[in-house]
Protein backbone atom coordinates (compact mmCIF):
# COMPACT_ATOMS: atom_id res chain seq x y z
CA MET A 1 28.38 78.51 141.33
CA ALA A 2 25.86 77.25 144.11
CA ARG A 3 27.42 73.80 144.02
CA VAL A 4 30.91 75.42 144.65
CA ALA A 5 29.74 77.72 147.35
CA VAL A 6 27.74 74.91 149.11
CA ASN A 7 30.95 72.83 149.00
CA TRP A 8 33.09 75.48 150.14
CA VAL A 9 30.85 76.16 153.17
CA ALA A 10 30.14 72.53 154.06
CA THR A 11 34.10 71.78 154.19
CA GLN A 12 35.23 74.80 156.23
CA PRO A 13 37.29 73.85 159.14
CA GLY A 14 35.21 73.82 162.27
CA GLY A 15 31.60 73.85 160.40
CA ALA A 16 29.22 71.36 161.68
CA SER A 17 26.33 72.26 158.93
CA ALA A 18 25.55 74.09 155.83
CA ILE A 19 22.16 75.42 155.68
CA VAL A 20 20.52 75.19 151.96
CA GLY A 21 17.49 76.05 150.50
CA ALA A 22 15.65 74.15 147.76
CA SER A 23 12.46 74.90 145.88
CA GLY A 24 11.91 71.49 145.17
CA ALA A 25 13.36 67.84 145.04
CA ASP A 26 15.17 68.13 141.92
CA GLN A 27 17.10 71.48 143.16
CA LEU A 28 17.92 69.70 146.50
CA ASP A 29 19.39 66.66 144.55
CA VAL A 30 21.71 68.98 142.66
CA THR A 31 22.76 70.61 145.73
CA VAL A 32 23.58 67.43 147.37
CA THR A 33 25.96 66.79 144.60
CA ALA A 34 28.01 69.63 145.97
CA LEU A 35 29.75 67.28 148.32
CA ASP A 36 30.61 64.68 145.34
CA PHE A 37 33.98 66.72 144.69
CA GLU A 38 37.00 68.42 146.30
CA LEU A 39 37.66 72.20 145.37
CA PRO A 40 41.17 72.58 144.30
CA ALA A 41 43.42 74.21 146.76
CA GLU A 42 43.92 77.27 144.64
CA LEU A 43 40.17 77.65 144.24
CA ARG A 44 39.67 77.31 147.93
CA ALA A 45 42.32 79.80 148.95
CA ARG A 46 40.78 82.32 146.55
CA LEU A 47 37.41 81.72 147.99
CA ASP A 48 38.87 82.08 151.63
CA GLU A 49 40.70 85.50 150.61
CA ALA A 50 37.46 86.86 149.20
CA SER A 51 35.49 86.00 152.28
CA ARG A 52 37.98 87.01 154.90
CA VAL A 53 36.48 89.39 157.29
CA PRO A 54 38.33 92.72 157.76
CA PRO A 55 39.45 93.68 161.09
CA SER A 56 37.05 95.61 163.07
CA SER A 57 37.72 99.24 163.98
CA VAL A 58 35.46 102.02 165.43
CA TYR A 59 36.82 104.17 162.84
CA GLN A 60 36.41 101.51 160.16
CA MET A 61 33.98 103.92 158.31
CA PHE A 62 36.78 106.28 157.48
CA MET A 63 38.90 103.77 155.98
CA PRO A 64 39.41 103.52 151.93
CA GLY A 65 38.22 100.26 151.70
CA TYR A 66 34.92 100.76 153.42
CA GLN A 67 34.39 104.14 151.68
CA GLY A 68 34.84 102.56 148.44
CA ARG A 69 31.86 100.23 148.96
CA LEU A 70 29.48 103.09 149.85
CA VAL A 71 30.22 106.13 147.79
CA SER A 72 30.74 106.75 144.13
CA PRO A 73 34.20 106.87 142.65
CA GLY A 74 36.00 110.18 143.16
CA VAL A 75 33.71 111.17 145.98
CA LYS A 76 36.07 111.88 149.09
CA VAL A 77 34.54 111.46 152.69
CA GLY A 78 36.52 113.48 155.23
CA ASP A 79 38.04 112.31 158.48
CA LYS A 80 36.92 113.49 161.86
CA PRO A 81 36.61 117.50 162.01
CA ALA A 82 39.87 119.31 163.05
CA GLY A 83 39.84 119.69 166.81
CA TYR A 84 37.30 117.07 167.72
CA VAL A 85 38.11 115.46 170.93
CA PRO A 86 35.67 112.94 172.32
CA ALA A 87 34.54 113.22 176.02
CA VAL A 88 36.61 110.90 178.25
CA ARG A 89 34.56 109.40 181.20
CA ASN A 90 36.16 108.91 184.27
CA TRP A 91 34.57 105.97 185.39
CA ALA A 92 35.82 105.92 188.88
CA ALA A 93 34.52 109.33 189.49
CA GLY A 94 31.44 109.11 187.47
CA SER A 95 31.76 112.23 185.60
CA VAL A 96 32.56 113.31 182.03
CA GLY A 97 35.48 115.74 181.34
């Protein structure tokens, strides 16, 4: 598993290096062998998909996927309270209204 991870990171387009840790020379030798093979295209595609960063959103915390990682199954987290309206800052006038 570690060799696959190192191989995938080290061969990413645009990547200049991969930082690895080793507690001894034997472990470093095994890690270096991660560059001795090529990942099959279907495995690389699965790893790419699994590591894809979700798009950022200021309300991301309310999205089902995000909530699914935070709360137990079956627990619901509500949206903004009804009637909630954030203050609008008028930068030109320097006031809040």
